[in-house]
C-alpha atoms as a PDB file:
ATOM      1  CA  UNK A   1      14.112   5.414   2.772  1.00  0.00           C
ATOM      2  CA  UNK A   2      11.642   5.328   5.630  1.00  0.00           C
ATOM      3  CA  UNK A   3       7.844   5.075   5.834  1.00  0.00           C
ATOM      4  CA  UNK A   4       5.813   6.650   8.621  1.00  0.00           C
ATOM      5  CA  UNK A   5       2.169   5.659   8.843  1.00  0.00           C
ATOM      6  CA  UNK A   6      -0.427   6.199  11.471  1.00  0.00           C
ATOM      7  CA  UNK A   7      -3.740   7.613  12.505  1.00  0.00           C
ATOM      8  CA  UNK A   8      -5.000  11.087  13.357  1.00  0.00           C
ATOM      9  CA  UNK A   9      -7.414  10.965  16.300  1.00  0.00           C
ATOM     10  CA  UNK A  10     -10.035  13.423  17.510  1.00  0.00           C
ATOM     11  CA  UNK A  11     -12.079  13.608  20.657  1.00  0.00           C
ATOM     12  CA  UNK A  12     -13.128  10.191  21.899  1.00  0.00           C
ATOM     13  CA  UNK A  13     -10.480   8.448  19.808  1.00  0.00           C
ATOM     14  CA  UNK A  14     -12.383   8.708  16.535  1.00  0.00           C
ATOM     15  CA  UNK A  15     -10.348   9.036  13.331  1.00  0.00           C
ATOM     16  CA  UNK A  16     -10.110  12.527  11.839  1.00  0.00           C
ATOM     17  CA  UNK A  17     -10.567  12.681   8.067  1.00  0.00           C
ATOM     18  CA  UNK A  18      -8.917  15.181   5.744  1.00  0.00           C
ATOM     19  CA  UNK A  19      -6.177  16.223   8.184  1.00  0.00           C
ATOM     20  CA  UNK A  20      -2.989  17.459   6.543  1.00  0.00           C
ATOM     21  CA  UNK A  21       0.135  15.757   7.914  1.00  0.00           C
ATOM     22  CA  UNK A  22       3.399  17.512   7.001  1.00  0.00           C
ATOM     23  CA  UNK A  23       6.929  16.221   7.689  1.00  0.00           C
ATOM     24  CA  UNK A  24       9.302  19.196   7.333  1.00  0.00           C
ATOM     25  CA  UNK A  25      13.005  18.214   7.373  1.00  0.00           C
ATOM     26  CA  UNK A  26      15.142  20.090   9.905  1.00  0.00           C
ATOM     27  CA  UNK A  27      18.282  19.676   7.790  1.00  0.00           C
ATOM     28  CA  UNK A  28      19.048  21.043   5.305  1.00  0.00           C
ATOM     29  CA  UNK A  29      17.086  24.247   5.861  1.00  0.00           C
ATOM     30  CA  UNK A  30      14.601  24.832   3.065  1.00  0.00           C
ATOM     31  CA  UNK A  31      14.367  21.152   2.092  1.00  0.00           C
ATOM     32  CA  UNK A  32      11.032  20.154   0.588  1.00  0.00           C
ATOM     33  CA  UNK A  33       8.489  18.741   3.036  1.00  0.00           C
ATOM     34  CA  UNK A  34       6.531  15.533   2.492  1.00  0.00           C
ATOM     35  CA  UNK A  35       2.820  15.463   3.228  1.00  0.00           C
ATOM     36  CA  UNK A  36      -0.321  13.344   3.201  1.00  0.00           C
ATOM     37  CA  UNK A  37      -4.034  13.735   3.842  1.00  0.00           C
ATOM     38  CA  UNK A  38      -5.719  11.438   6.329  1.00  0.00           C
ATOM     39  CA  UNK A  39      -8.438   9.143   5.052  1.00  0.00           C
ATOM     40  CA  UNK A  40     -11.962   8.814   6.478  1.00  0.00           C
ATOM     41  CA  UNK A  41     -10.750   6.654   9.365  1.00  0.00           C
ATOM     42  CA  UNK A  42      -7.830   9.009  10.141  1.00  0.00           C
ATOM     43  CA  UNK A  43      -5.176   6.761   8.557  1.00  0.00           C
ATOM     44  CA  UNK A  44      -2.262   8.302   6.633  1.00  0.00           C
ATOM     45  CA  UNK A  45       0.997   7.117   5.047  1.00  0.00           C
ATOM     46  CA  UNK A  46       4.130   9.078   4.167  1.00  0.00           C
ATOM     47  CA  UNK A  47       6.742   7.125   2.207  1.00  0.00           C
ATOM     48  CA  UNK A  48      10.232   7.990   1.052  1.00  0.00           C
ATOM     49  CA  UNK A  49      11.462   9.965   4.059  1.00  0.00           C
ATOM     50  CA  UNK A  50      15.202  10.236   4.536  1.00  0.00           C
ATOM     51  CA  UNK A  51      16.322   9.347   8.073  1.00  0.00           C
ATOM     52  CA  UNK A  52      16.765  12.471  10.164  1.00  0.00           C
ATOM     53  CA  UNK A  53      15.043  15.121  12.251  1.00  0.00           C
ATOM     54  CA  UNK A  54      11.641  16.483  11.228  1.00  0.00           C
ATOM     55  CA  UNK A  55       9.106  18.977  12.432  1.00  0.00           C
ATOM     56  CA  UNK A  56       5.682  17.386  12.063  1.00  0.00           C
ATOM     57  CA  UNK A  57       2.643  19.642  11.631  1.00  0.00           C
ATOM     58  CA  UNK A  58      -0.915  18.275  11.633  1.00  0.00           C
ATOM     59  CA  UNK A  59      -3.815  20.539  10.693  1.00  0.00           C
ATOM     60  CA  UNK A  60      -7.541  20.112  10.158  1.00  0.00           C
ATOM     61  CA  UNK A  61      -9.969  23.011  10.031  1.00  0.00           C
ATOM     62  CA  UNK A  62     -12.005  22.033  13.121  1.00  0.00           C
ATOM     63  CA  UNK A  63      -8.958  21.270  15.305  1.00  0.00           C
ATOM     64  CA  UNK A  64      -6.027  23.160  16.781  1.00  0.00           C
ATOM     65  CA  UNK A  65      -2.724  22.908  14.921  1.00  0.00           C
ATOM     66  CA  UNK A  66      -0.524  20.200  16.448  1.00  0.00           C
ATOM     67  CA  UNK A  67       3.265  20.518  15.993  1.00  0.00           C
ATOM     68  CA  UNK A  68       6.015  18.259  17.331  1.00  0.00           C
ATOM     69  CA  UNK A  69       9.595  17.188  16.615  1.00  0.00           C
ATOM     70  CA  UNK A  70      10.309  13.638  15.469  1.00  0.00           C
ATOM     71  CA  UNK A  71      13.521  11.750  14.797  1.00  0.00           C
ATOM     72  CA  UNK A  72      12.876   9.392  11.871  1.00  0.00           C
ATOM     73  CA  UNK A  73      15.226   6.400  11.833  1.00  0.00           C
ATOM     74  CA  UNK A  74      13.099   3.430  10.732  1.00  0.00           C
ATOM     75  CA  UNK A  75       9.600   2.538   9.528  1.00  0.00           C
ATOM     76  CA  UNK A  76       7.236   3.575  12.279  1.00  0.00           C
ATOM     77  CA  UNK A  77       3.553   3.798  13.235  1.00  0.00           C
ATOM     78  CA  UNK A  78       2.389   6.898  15.134  1.00  0.00           C
ATOM     79  CA  UNK A  79      -0.901   8.225  16.489  1.00  0.00           C
ATOM     80  CA  UNK A  80      -1.568  11.943  16.822  1.00  0.00           C
ATOM     81  CA  UNK A  81      -4.426  13.220  19.011  1.00  0.00           C
ATOM     82  CA  UNK A  82      -5.898  16.572  18.050  1.00  0.00           C
ATOM     83  CA  UNK A  83      -7.774  18.988  20.314  1.00  0.00           C
ATOM     84  CA  UNK A  84     -10.983  20.600  19.086  1.00  0.00           C
ATOM     85  CA  UNK A  85     -10.654  24.289  18.158  1.00  0.00           C
ATOM     86  CA  UNK A  86     -13.292  25.740  20.477  1.00  0.00           C
ATOM     87  CA  UNK A  87     -13.269  29.100  18.668  1.00  0.00           C
ATOM     88  CA  UNK A  88     -14.160  27.420  15.378  1.00  0.00           C
ATOM     89  CA  UNK A  89     -17.828  26.747  14.609  1.00  0.00           C
ATOM     90  CA  UNK A  90     -18.788  23.064  14.409  1.00  0.00           C
ATOM     91  CA  UNK A  91     -21.134  23.499  11.464  1.00  0.00           C
ATOM     92  CA  UNK A  92     -21.081  25.877   8.520  1.00  0.00           C
END
């Protein structure tokens, strides 16, 4: 099993808290995804991934959805930079 850990970054390189990080397996179709929430500094950890191809989706309510493909083969650190959702109000 493989562990992917990393940090979700916002504008200026600051960590983004409470971002949802989802690893959706490409094979077999319909397999259950694994997910984590980023901590206050943007750090997250997803353990127990099977090696293979994944679609990774990162969401946080003040940022645009970020989706990318990732081949998971070994324990790995990643950083994901999010872009501010300009249509979303900054303060409620």
